[in-house]
Structure formats: structure tokens, C-alpha cells
Amino acid sequence: MEFSKAMAVFIADWRKEAGACNGSAECLERSARQLRGALTPHS
């Protein structure tokens, strides 16, 4: 349950950051890399 809450907060925060990109392709790509990195399991 705690993981689900943390993930929801993380995604909400990421969404705000991506929204602040105002359509900038570089900013959106950087934001997408950050999200993918956070969601990819680390071995």
C-alpha cells in the first residue's frame, strides 16, 4: 500500500514538471528519461 501511494505522488510530481515544459521537446525528453529511469528496476 505504501509503495502505491509513493508511486502516485511521484507520478503526480513528474506530471507537474512535464507540464512546466510548455511543449519544449528537449524538456519533455529529459522528463521522460527521468520517469523511465525511476520506473526501471535497478539490478
PDB file of N, CA and C in Angstrom:
ATOM      1  N   MET A   1       0.824  -1.195   0.000  1.00  0.00           N
ATOM      2  CA  MET A   1       0.000   0.000   0.000  1.00  0.00           C
ATOM      3  C   MET A   1       0.873   1.266   0.000  1.00  0.00           C
ATOM      4  N   GLU A   2       1.933   1.281   0.827  1.00  0.00           N
ATOM      5  CA  GLU A   2       2.806   2.440   0.905  1.00  0.00           C
ATOM      6  C   GLU A   2       3.488   2.712  -0.440  1.00  0.00           C
ATOM      7  N   PHE A   3       3.908   1.639  -1.135  1.00  0.00           N
ATOM      8  CA  PHE A   3       4.537   1.796  -2.447  1.00  0.00           C
ATOM      9  C   PHE A   3       3.575   2.463  -3.419  1.00  0.00           C
ATOM     10  N   SER A   4       2.326   2.052  -3.412  1.00  0.00           N
ATOM     11  CA  SER A   4       1.327   2.621  -4.318  1.00  0.00           C
ATOM     12  C   SER A   4       1.159   4.118  -4.084  1.00  0.00           C
ATOM     13  N   LYS A   5       1.123   4.519  -2.820  1.00  0.00           N
ATOM     14  CA  LYS A   5       0.986   5.946  -2.505  1.00  0.00           C
ATOM     15  C   LYS A   5       2.210   6.706  -2.983  1.00  0.00           C
ATOM     16  N   ALA A   6       3.388   6.164  -2.720  1.00  0.00           N
ATOM     17  CA  ALA A   6       4.626   6.827  -3.127  1.00  0.00           C
ATOM     18  C   ALA A   6       4.694   6.954  -4.646  1.00  0.00           C
ATOM     19  N   MET A   7       4.282   5.910  -5.355  1.00  0.00           N
ATOM     20  CA  MET A   7       4.308   5.937  -6.820  1.00  0.00           C
ATOM     21  C   MET A   7       3.323   6.977  -7.350  1.00  0.00           C
ATOM     22  N   ALA A   8       2.155   7.054  -6.749  1.00  0.00           N
ATOM     23  CA  ALA A   8       1.163   8.042  -7.181  1.00  0.00           C
ATOM     24  C   ALA A   8       1.686   9.458  -6.977  1.00  0.00           C
ATOM     25  N   VAL A   9       2.332   9.714  -5.863  1.00  0.00           N
ATOM     26  CA  VAL A   9       2.904  11.034  -5.593  1.00  0.00           C
ATOM     27  C   VAL A   9       4.024  11.332  -6.588  1.00  0.00           C
ATOM     28  N   PHE A  10       4.885  10.343  -6.849  1.00  0.00           N
ATOM     29  CA  PHE A  10       5.978  10.524  -7.792  1.00  0.00           C
ATOM     30  C   PHE A  10       5.438  10.896  -9.177  1.00  0.00           C
ATOM     31  N   ILE A  11       4.435  10.158  -9.643  1.00  0.00           N
ATOM     32  CA  ILE A  11       3.879  10.417 -10.976  1.00  0.00           C
ATOM     33  C   ILE A  11       3.187  11.775 -11.020  1.00  0.00           C
ATOM     34  N   ALA A  12       2.495  12.147  -9.966  1.00  0.00           N
ATOM     35  CA  ALA A  12       1.853  13.465  -9.923  1.00  0.00           C
ATOM     36  C   ALA A  12       2.900  14.575  -9.996  1.00  0.00           C
ATOM     37  N   ASP A  13       3.990  14.406  -9.243  1.00  0.00           N
ATOM     38  CA  ASP A  13       5.067  15.397  -9.285  1.00  0.00           C
ATOM     39  C   ASP A  13       5.703  15.451 -10.663  1.00  0.00           C
ATOM     40  N   TRP A  14       5.927  14.291 -11.268  1.00  0.00           N
ATOM     41  CA  TRP A  14       6.511  14.234 -12.614  1.00  0.00           C
ATOM     42  C   TRP A  14       5.594  14.939 -13.615  1.00  0.00           C
ATOM     43  N   ARG A  15       4.299  14.722 -13.472  1.00  0.00           N
ATOM     44  CA  ARG A  15       3.322  15.334 -14.378  1.00  0.00           C
ATOM     45  C   ARG A  15       3.405  16.860 -14.304  1.00  0.00           C
ATOM     46  N   LYS A  16       3.563  17.387 -13.093  1.00  0.00           N
ATOM     47  CA  LYS A  16       3.690  18.840 -12.931  1.00  0.00           C
ATOM     48  C   LYS A  16       4.953  19.342 -13.632  1.00  0.00           C
ATOM     49  N   GLU A  17       6.046  18.633 -13.447  1.00  0.00           N
ATOM     50  CA  GLU A  17       7.305  19.032 -14.081  1.00  0.00           C
ATOM     51  C   GLU A  17       7.191  18.980 -15.602  1.00  0.00           C
ATOM     52  N   ALA A  18       6.596  17.916 -16.116  1.00  0.00           N
ATOM     53  CA  ALA A  18       6.433  17.785 -17.568  1.00  0.00           C
ATOM     54  C   ALA A  18       5.516  18.885 -18.097  1.00  0.00           C
ATOM     55  N   GLY A  19       4.487  19.228 -17.338  1.00  0.00           N
ATOM     56  CA  GLY A  19       3.581  20.299 -17.740  1.00  0.00           C
ATOM     57  C   GLY A  19       4.280  21.644 -17.808  1.00  0.00           C
ATOM     58  N   ALA A  20       5.286  21.831 -16.961  1.00  0.00           N
ATOM     59  CA  ALA A  20       6.034  23.083 -16.950  1.00  0.00           C
ATOM     60  C   ALA A  20       6.947  23.214 -18.161  1.00  0.00           C
ATOM     61  N   CYS A  21       7.103  22.149 -18.931  1.00  0.00           N
ATOM     62  CA  CYS A  21       7.956  22.196 -20.124  1.00  0.00           C
ATOM     63  C   CYS A  21       7.355  23.075 -21.217  1.00  0.00           C
ATOM     64  N   ASN A  22       6.072  23.324 -21.158  1.00  0.00           N
ATOM     65  CA  ASN A  22       5.393  24.176 -22.141  1.00  0.00           C
ATOM     66  C   ASN A  22       5.679  23.760 -23.580  1.00  0.00           C
ATOM     67  N   GLY A  23       5.706  22.447 -23.819  1.00  0.00           N
ATOM     68  CA  GLY A  23       5.871  21.942 -25.169  1.00  0.00           C
ATOM     69  C   GLY A  23       7.315  21.843 -25.653  1.00  0.00           C
ATOM     70  N   SER A  24       8.277  22.186 -24.831  1.00  0.00           N
ATOM     71  CA  SER A  24       9.683  22.101 -25.218  1.00  0.00           C
ATOM     72  C   SER A  24      10.059  20.629 -25.383  1.00  0.00           C
ATOM     73  N   ALA A  25      10.455  20.249 -26.592  1.00  0.00           N
ATOM     74  CA  ALA A  25      10.797  18.857 -26.877  1.00  0.00           C
ATOM     75  C   ALA A  25      11.969  18.387 -26.011  1.00  0.00           C
ATOM     76  N   GLU A  26      12.984  19.225 -25.827  1.00  0.00           N
ATOM     77  CA  GLU A  26      14.142  18.852 -25.003  1.00  0.00           C
ATOM     78  C   GLU A  26      13.720  18.595 -23.560  1.00  0.00           C
ATOM     79  N   CYS A  27      12.926  19.485 -23.035  1.00  0.00           N
ATOM     80  CA  CYS A  27      12.466  19.375 -21.657  1.00  0.00           C
ATOM     81  C   CYS A  27      11.608  18.116 -21.483  1.00  0.00           C
ATOM     82  N   LEU A  28      10.720  17.865 -22.422  1.00  0.00           N
ATOM     83  CA  LEU A  28       9.860  16.681 -22.338  1.00  0.00           C
ATOM     84  C   LEU A  28      10.671  15.399 -22.438  1.00  0.00           C
ATOM     85  N   GLU A  29      11.673  15.375 -23.298  1.00  0.00           N
ATOM     86  CA  GLU A  29      12.534  14.196 -23.431  1.00  0.00           C
ATOM     87  C   GLU A  29      13.308  13.950 -22.145  1.00  0.00           C
ATOM     88  N   ARG A  30      13.841  14.996 -21.569  1.00  0.00           N
ATOM     89  CA  ARG A  30      14.574  14.883 -20.305  1.00  0.00           C
ATOM     90  C   ARG A  30      13.641  14.362 -19.205  1.00  0.00           C
ATOM     91  N   SER A  31      12.442  14.869 -19.184  1.00  0.00           N
ATOM     92  CA  SER A  31      11.457  14.450 -18.194  1.00  0.00           C
ATOM     93  C   SER A  31      11.074  12.982 -18.400  1.00  0.00           C
ATOM     94  N   ALA A  32      10.923  12.568 -19.652  1.00  0.00           N
ATOM     95  CA  ALA A  32      10.584  11.176 -19.954  1.00  0.00           C
ATOM     96  C   ALA A  32      11.714  10.236 -19.544  1.00  0.00           C
ATOM     97  N   ARG A  33      12.965  10.652 -19.785  1.00  0.00           N
ATOM     98  CA  ARG A  33      14.108   9.831 -19.358  1.00  0.00           C
ATOM     99  C   ARG A  33      14.120   9.675 -17.839  1.00  0.00           C
ATOM    100  N   GLN A  34      13.816  10.746 -17.140  1.00  0.00           N
ATOM    101  CA  GLN A  34      13.773  10.706 -15.681  1.00  0.00           C
ATOM    102  C   GLN A  34      12.698   9.722 -15.216  1.00  0.00           C
ATOM    103  N   LEU A  35      11.545   9.778 -15.829  1.00  0.00           N
ATOM    104  CA  LEU A  35      10.457   8.861 -15.449  1.00  0.00           C
ATOM    105  C   LEU A  35      10.839   7.430 -15.749  1.00  0.00           C
ATOM    106  N   ARG A  36      11.368   7.173 -16.943  1.00  0.00           N
ATOM    107  CA  ARG A  36      11.765   5.805 -17.295  1.00  0.00           C
ATOM    108  C   ARG A  36      12.834   5.289 -16.338  1.00  0.00           C
ATOM    109  N   GLY A  37      13.794   6.138 -15.998  1.00  0.00           N
ATOM    110  CA  GLY A  37      14.850   5.735 -15.077  1.00  0.00           C
ATOM    111  C   GLY A  37      14.311   5.380 -13.705  1.00  0.00           C
ATOM    112  N   ALA A  38      13.333   6.124 -13.255  1.00  0.00           N
ATOM    113  CA  ALA A  38      12.758   5.874 -11.941  1.00  0.00           C
ATOM    114  C   ALA A  38      11.913   4.604 -11.923  1.00  0.00           C
ATOM    115  N   LEU A  39      11.315   4.259 -13.060  1.00  0.00           N
ATOM    116  CA  LEU A  39      10.425   3.092 -13.106  1.00  0.00           C
ATOM    117  C   LEU A  39      11.142   1.804 -13.494  1.00  0.00           C
ATOM    118  N   THR A  40      12.371   1.915 -13.995  1.00  0.00           N
ATOM    119  CA  THR A  40      13.134   0.748 -14.401  1.00  0.00           C
ATOM    120  C   THR A  40      13.772   0.121 -13.166  1.00  0.00           C
ATOM    121  N   PRO A  41      13.549  -1.169 -12.968  1.00  0.00           N
ATOM    122  CA  PRO A  41      14.166  -1.821 -11.797  1.00  0.00           C
ATOM    123  C   PRO A  41      15.686  -1.771 -11.905  1.00  0.00           C
ATOM    124  N   HIS A  42      16.318  -1.446 -10.810  1.00  0.00           N
ATOM    125  CA  HIS A  42      17.782  -1.399 -10.767  1.00  0.00           C
ATOM    126  C   HIS A  42      18.294  -2.741 -10.298  1.00  0.00           C
ATOM    127  N   SER A  43      19.296  -3.251 -11.000  1.00  0.00           N
ATOM    128  CA  SER A  43      19.824  -4.560 -10.610  1.00  0.00           C
ATOM    129  C   SER A  43      21.146  -4.438  -9.903  1.00  0.00           C
TER     130      SER A  43
END
